[in-house]
Amino acid sequence: MALTLDDIRAAVGRKYASTDIDFGGSDVLVLRNPIRLPKTDRKALMALQEKFEPTEDDDELDGPKEAMKGVLLVAAADKAVAEEFLSLIAEDEGDELPVLTEVFTTYMNEGQVGEA
Protein backbone atom coordinates (compact mmCIF):
# COMPACT_ATOMS: atom_id res chain seq x y z
CA MET A 1 0.00 0.00 0.00
CA ALA A 2 1.45 3.33 -1.05
CA LEU A 3 0.98 6.44 1.04
CA THR A 4 -0.07 9.64 -0.60
CA LEU A 5 1.09 13.09 0.37
CA ASP A 6 -2.46 13.74 1.60
CA ASP A 7 -2.21 10.65 3.86
CA ILE A 8 1.04 11.98 5.33
CA ARG A 9 -0.40 15.46 5.82
CA ALA A 10 -3.45 14.00 7.57
CA ALA A 11 -1.21 11.95 9.88
CA VAL A 12 0.88 15.03 10.67
CA GLY A 13 -2.30 16.98 11.36
CA ARG A 14 -3.40 14.39 13.90
CA LYS A 15 0.02 13.87 15.46
CA TYR A 16 0.91 17.55 15.86
CA ALA A 17 -2.57 18.98 16.42
CA SER A 18 -3.22 22.04 18.53
CA THR A 19 -4.72 21.90 22.00
CA ASP A 20 -8.07 23.67 21.79
CA ILE A 21 -9.91 24.94 24.87
CA ASP A 22 -13.50 26.10 24.45
CA PHE A 23 -14.22 28.59 27.21
CA GLY A 24 -17.71 29.67 26.33
CA GLY A 25 -19.69 30.96 23.41
CA SER A 26 -17.55 31.14 20.32
CA ASP A 27 -14.32 31.57 22.28
CA VAL A 28 -11.70 28.88 21.72
CA LEU A 29 -8.13 29.16 22.90
CA VAL A 30 -5.98 27.41 20.28
CA LEU A 31 -2.56 26.43 21.61
CA ARG A 32 -0.29 25.52 18.72
CA ASN A 33 1.85 22.41 19.05
CA PRO A 34 5.45 23.43 19.85
CA ILE A 35 6.78 21.72 16.72
CA ARG A 36 4.50 23.92 14.61
CA LEU A 37 5.60 27.18 16.19
CA PRO A 38 7.93 29.56 14.36
CA LYS A 39 11.54 29.35 15.48
CA THR A 40 11.31 32.61 17.43
CA ASP A 41 8.34 31.31 19.42
CA ARG A 42 10.09 28.00 20.16
CA LYS A 43 13.07 29.99 21.46
CA ALA A 44 10.71 32.05 23.62
CA LEU A 45 9.27 28.84 25.08
CA MET A 46 12.76 27.63 25.95
CA ALA A 47 13.56 30.98 27.58
CA LEU A 48 10.43 30.69 29.73
CA GLN A 49 11.76 27.47 31.26
CA GLU A 50 14.06 29.57 33.46
CA LYS A 51 11.04 31.13 35.15
CA PHE A 52 9.89 27.76 36.48
CA GLU A 53 12.51 28.03 39.21
CA PRO A 54 11.50 30.54 41.88
CA THR A 55 14.03 33.20 42.84
CA GLU A 56 14.72 34.46 46.35
CA ASP A 57 12.55 37.51 45.65
CA ASP A 58 9.52 35.49 44.48
CA ASP A 59 6.82 33.73 46.32
CA GLU A 60 7.54 30.08 45.53
CA LEU A 61 4.72 29.96 42.96
CA ASP A 62 5.11 33.37 41.30
CA GLY A 63 7.82 32.31 38.86
CA PRO A 64 6.09 29.13 37.68
CA LYS A 65 2.71 30.90 37.45
CA GLU A 66 4.14 33.65 35.25
CA ALA A 67 6.02 31.07 33.16
CA MET A 68 2.81 29.10 32.52
CA LYS A 69 1.02 32.29 31.48
CA GLY A 70 3.93 33.12 29.19
CA VAL A 71 3.83 29.69 27.57
CA LEU A 72 0.12 30.04 26.86
CA LEU A 73 0.62 33.49 25.34
CA VAL A 74 3.47 32.28 23.12
CA ALA A 75 1.66 29.12 22.03
CA ALA A 76 -1.68 30.83 21.40
CA ALA A 77 -2.75 31.20 17.80
CA ASP A 78 -4.50 34.43 18.81
CA LYS A 79 -2.88 36.47 21.60
CA ALA A 80 -6.07 38.45 22.27
CA VAL A 81 -8.01 35.22 22.92
CA ALA A 82 -5.21 34.02 25.24
CA GLU A 83 -5.32 37.29 27.17
CA GLU A 84 -9.11 37.02 27.44
CA PHE A 85 -8.78 33.44 28.72
CA LEU A 86 -6.15 34.46 31.29
CA SER A 87 -8.33 37.36 32.45
CA LEU A 88 -11.30 35.03 32.82
CA ILE A 89 -9.45 32.51 34.99
CA ALA A 90 -7.88 35.34 37.05
CA GLU A 91 -11.35 36.45 38.14
CA ASP A 92 -11.46 33.63 40.70
CA GLU A 93 -8.12 33.94 42.43
CA GLY A 94 -8.55 30.70 44.39
CA ASP A 95 -8.91 28.70 41.20
CA GLU A 96 -6.54 30.63 38.94
CA LEU A 97 -3.41 28.60 39.70
CA PRO A 98 -5.10 25.16 39.61
CA VAL A 99 -6.89 25.98 36.33
CA LEU A 100 -3.72 27.43 34.82
CA THR A 101 -1.75 24.35 35.92
CA GLU A 102 -4.31 21.99 34.41
CA VAL A 103 -4.35 23.84 31.09
CA PHE A 104 -0.55 23.99 31.01
CA THR A 105 -0.20 20.28 31.88
CA THR A 106 -2.73 19.29 29.22
CA TYR A 107 -0.93 21.41 26.63
CA MET A 108 2.47 19.97 27.52
CA ASN A 109 1.17 16.38 27.51
CA GLU A 110 -0.67 16.76 24.21
CA GLY A 111 2.18 18.72 22.68
CA GLN A 112 4.83 16.07 23.23
CA VAL A 113 6.65 15.40 19.97
CA GLY A 114 5.69 11.96 18.79
CA GLU A 115 2.43 11.77 20.70
CA ALA A 116 -0.88 11.42 18.91
C-alpha atoms as a PDB file:
ATOM      1  CA  MET A   1       0.000   0.000   0.000  1.00  0.00           C
ATOM      2  CA  ALA A   2       1.454   3.327  -1.046  1.00  0.00           C
ATOM      3  CA  LEU A   3       0.985   6.440   1.041  1.00  0.00           C
ATOM      4  CA  THR A   4      -0.068   9.636  -0.599  1.00  0.00           C
ATOM      5  CA  LEU A   5       1.086  13.093   0.369  1.00  0.00           C
ATOM      6  CA  ASP A   6      -2.460  13.742   1.597  1.00  0.00           C
ATOM      7  CA  ASP A   7      -2.206  10.653   3.859  1.00  0.00           C
ATOM      8  CA  ILE A   8       1.036  11.981   5.334  1.00  0.00           C
ATOM      9  CA  ARG A   9      -0.402  15.457   5.818  1.00  0.00           C
ATOM     10  CA  ALA A  10      -3.446  13.997   7.567  1.00  0.00           C
ATOM     11  CA  ALA A  11      -1.212  11.951   9.883  1.00  0.00           C
ATOM     12  CA  VAL A  12       0.881  15.030  10.667  1.00  0.00           C
ATOM     13  CA  GLY A  13      -2.304  16.982  11.359  1.00  0.00           C
ATOM     14  CA  ARG A  14      -3.404  14.385  13.901  1.00  0.00           C
ATOM     15  CA  LYS A  15       0.024  13.875  15.458  1.00  0.00           C
ATOM     16  CA  TYR A  16       0.911  17.554  15.859  1.00  0.00           C
ATOM     17  CA  ALA A  17      -2.566  18.983  16.419  1.00  0.00           C
ATOM     18  CA  SER A  18      -3.217  22.037  18.526  1.00  0.00           C
ATOM     19  CA  THR A  19      -4.715  21.904  22.005  1.00  0.00           C
ATOM     20  CA  ASP A  20      -8.073  23.672  21.792  1.00  0.00           C
ATOM     21  CA  ILE A  21      -9.915  24.936  24.871  1.00  0.00           C
ATOM     22  CA  ASP A  22     -13.500  26.096  24.455  1.00  0.00           C
ATOM     23  CA  PHE A  23     -14.221  28.592  27.205  1.00  0.00           C
ATOM     24  CA  GLY A  24     -17.707  29.669  26.332  1.00  0.00           C
ATOM     25  CA  GLY A  25     -19.694  30.955  23.415  1.00  0.00           C
ATOM     26  CA  SER A  26     -17.551  31.140  20.324  1.00  0.00           C
ATOM     27  CA  ASP A  27     -14.317  31.569  22.283  1.00  0.00           C
ATOM     28  CA  VAL A  28     -11.705  28.880  21.719  1.00  0.00           C
ATOM     29  CA  LEU A  29      -8.130  29.159  22.895  1.00  0.00           C
ATOM     30  CA  VAL A  30      -5.980  27.412  20.283  1.00  0.00           C
ATOM     31  CA  LEU A  31      -2.558  26.434  21.607  1.00  0.00           C
ATOM     32  CA  ARG A  32      -0.291  25.519  18.718  1.00  0.00           C
ATOM     33  CA  ASN A  33       1.847  22.414  19.050  1.00  0.00           C
ATOM     34  CA  PRO A  34       5.446  23.434  19.851  1.00  0.00           C
ATOM     35  CA  ILE A  35       6.780  21.722  16.723  1.00  0.00           C
ATOM     36  CA  ARG A  36       4.501  23.921  14.607  1.00  0.00           C
ATOM     37  CA  LEU A  37       5.603  27.183  16.193  1.00  0.00           C
ATOM     38  CA  PRO A  38       7.925  29.556  14.360  1.00  0.00           C
ATOM     39  CA  LYS A  39      11.544  29.354  15.479  1.00  0.00           C
ATOM     40  CA  THR A  40      11.313  32.614  17.430  1.00  0.00           C
ATOM     41  CA  ASP A  41       8.343  31.311  19.423  1.00  0.00           C
ATOM     42  CA  ARG A  42      10.093  28.001  20.156  1.00  0.00           C
ATOM     43  CA  LYS A  43      13.071  29.993  21.460  1.00  0.00           C
ATOM     44  CA  ALA A  44      10.710  32.054  23.620  1.00  0.00           C
ATOM     45  CA  LEU A  45       9.267  28.842  25.084  1.00  0.00           C
ATOM     46  CA  MET A  46      12.763  27.629  25.949  1.00  0.00           C
ATOM     47  CA  ALA A  47      13.561  30.976  27.584  1.00  0.00           C
ATOM     48  CA  LEU A  48      10.427  30.687  29.730  1.00  0.00           C
ATOM     49  CA  GLN A  49      11.765  27.470  31.258  1.00  0.00           C
ATOM     50  CA  GLU A  50      14.060  29.565  33.456  1.00  0.00           C
ATOM     51  CA  LYS A  51      11.040  31.129  35.148  1.00  0.00           C
ATOM     52  CA  PHE A  52       9.892  27.762  36.480  1.00  0.00           C
ATOM     53  CA  GLU A  53      12.510  28.026  39.208  1.00  0.00           C
ATOM     54  CA  PRO A  54      11.503  30.541  41.877  1.00  0.00           C
ATOM     55  CA  THR A  55      14.035  33.196  42.838  1.00  0.00           C
ATOM     56  CA  GLU A  56      14.722  34.462  46.350  1.00  0.00           C
ATOM     57  CA  ASP A  57      12.549  37.508  45.647  1.00  0.00           C
ATOM     58  CA  ASP A  58       9.523  35.494  44.475  1.00  0.00           C
ATOM     59  CA  ASP A  59       6.815  33.730  46.322  1.00  0.00           C
ATOM     60  CA  GLU A  60       7.541  30.085  45.526  1.00  0.00           C
ATOM     61  CA  LEU A  61       4.722  29.963  42.961  1.00  0.00           C
ATOM     62  CA  ASP A  62       5.107  33.373  41.301  1.00  0.00           C
ATOM     63  CA  GLY A  63       7.815  32.309  38.858  1.00  0.00           C
ATOM     64  CA  PRO A  64       6.094  29.133  37.680  1.00  0.00           C
ATOM     65  CA  LYS A  65       2.714  30.895  37.449  1.00  0.00           C
ATOM     66  CA  GLU A  66       4.138  33.646  35.245  1.00  0.00           C
ATOM     67  CA  ALA A  67       6.017  31.074  33.158  1.00  0.00           C
ATOM     68  CA  MET A  68       2.806  29.097  32.522  1.00  0.00           C
ATOM     69  CA  LYS A  69       1.016  32.286  31.475  1.00  0.00           C
ATOM     70  CA  GLY A  70       3.931  33.116  29.187  1.00  0.00           C
ATOM     71  CA  VAL A  71       3.833  29.687  27.571  1.00  0.00           C
ATOM     72  CA  LEU A  72       0.115  30.038  26.860  1.00  0.00           C
ATOM     73  CA  LEU A  73       0.624  33.491  25.343  1.00  0.00           C
ATOM     74  CA  VAL A  74       3.471  32.280  23.117  1.00  0.00           C
ATOM     75  CA  ALA A  75       1.657  29.118  22.033  1.00  0.00           C
ATOM     76  CA  ALA A  76      -1.685  30.828  21.395  1.00  0.00           C
ATOM     77  CA  ALA A  77      -2.745  31.195  17.797  1.00  0.00           C
ATOM     78  CA  ASP A  78      -4.499  34.435  18.812  1.00  0.00           C
ATOM     79  CA  LYS A  79      -2.883  36.468  21.604  1.00  0.00           C
ATOM     80  CA  ALA A  80      -6.074  38.447  22.268  1.00  0.00           C
ATOM     81  CA  VAL A  81      -8.005  35.223  22.918  1.00  0.00           C
ATOM     82  CA  ALA A  82      -5.214  34.017  25.236  1.00  0.00           C
ATOM     83  CA  GLU A  83      -5.324  37.286  27.170  1.00  0.00           C
ATOM     84  CA  GLU A  84      -9.107  37.020  27.437  1.00  0.00           C
ATOM     85  CA  PHE A  85      -8.778  33.439  28.718  1.00  0.00           C
ATOM     86  CA  LEU A  86      -6.147  34.457  31.294  1.00  0.00           C
ATOM     87  CA  SER A  87      -8.333  37.360  32.451  1.00  0.00           C
ATOM     88  CA  LEU A  88     -11.295  35.032  32.822  1.00  0.00           C
ATOM     89  CA  ILE A  89      -9.448  32.511  34.989  1.00  0.00           C
ATOM     90  CA  ALA A  90      -7.879  35.341  37.053  1.00  0.00           C
ATOM     91  CA  GLU A  91     -11.355  36.452  38.143  1.00  0.00           C
ATOM     92  CA  ASP A  92     -11.465  33.635  40.703  1.00  0.00           C
ATOM     93  CA  GLU A  93      -8.121  33.939  42.432  1.00  0.00           C
ATOM     94  CA  GLY A  94      -8.551  30.705  44.395  1.00  0.00           C
ATOM     95  CA  ASP A  95      -8.909  28.700  41.201  1.00  0.00           C
ATOM     96  CA  GLU A  96      -6.535  30.629  38.943  1.00  0.00           C
ATOM     97  CA  LEU A  97      -3.412  28.603  39.695  1.00  0.00           C
ATOM     98  CA  PRO A  98      -5.105  25.163  39.606  1.00  0.00           C
ATOM     99  CA  VAL A  99      -6.885  25.982  36.325  1.00  0.00           C
ATOM    100  CA  LEU A 100      -3.721  27.428  34.823  1.00  0.00           C
ATOM    101  CA  THR A 101      -1.751  24.354  35.921  1.00  0.00           C
ATOM    102  CA  GLU A 102      -4.310  21.988  34.413  1.00  0.00           C
ATOM    103  CA  VAL A 103      -4.352  23.842  31.087  1.00  0.00           C
ATOM    104  CA  PHE A 104      -0.555  23.992  31.010  1.00  0.00           C
ATOM    105  CA  THR A 105      -0.203  20.281  31.877  1.00  0.00           C
ATOM    106  CA  THR A 106      -2.726  19.292  29.220  1.00  0.00           C
ATOM    107  CA  TYR A 107      -0.927  21.414  26.633  1.00  0.00           C
ATOM    108  CA  MET A 108       2.466  19.972  27.518  1.00  0.00           C
ATOM    109  CA  ASN A 109       1.173  16.379  27.509  1.00  0.00           C
ATOM    110  CA  GLU A 110      -0.669  16.761  24.213  1.00  0.00           C
ATOM    111  CA  GLY A 111       2.183  18.716  22.679  1.00  0.00           C
ATOM    112  CA  GLN A 112       4.831  16.074  23.230  1.00  0.00           C
ATOM    113  CA  VAL A 113       6.648  15.396  19.970  1.00  0.00           C
ATOM    114  CA  GLY A 114       5.687  11.959  18.785  1.00  0.00           C
ATOM    115  CA  GLU A 115       2.427  11.765  20.699  1.00  0.00           C
ATOM    116  CA  ALA A 116      -0.883  11.416  18.907  1.00  0.00           C
END
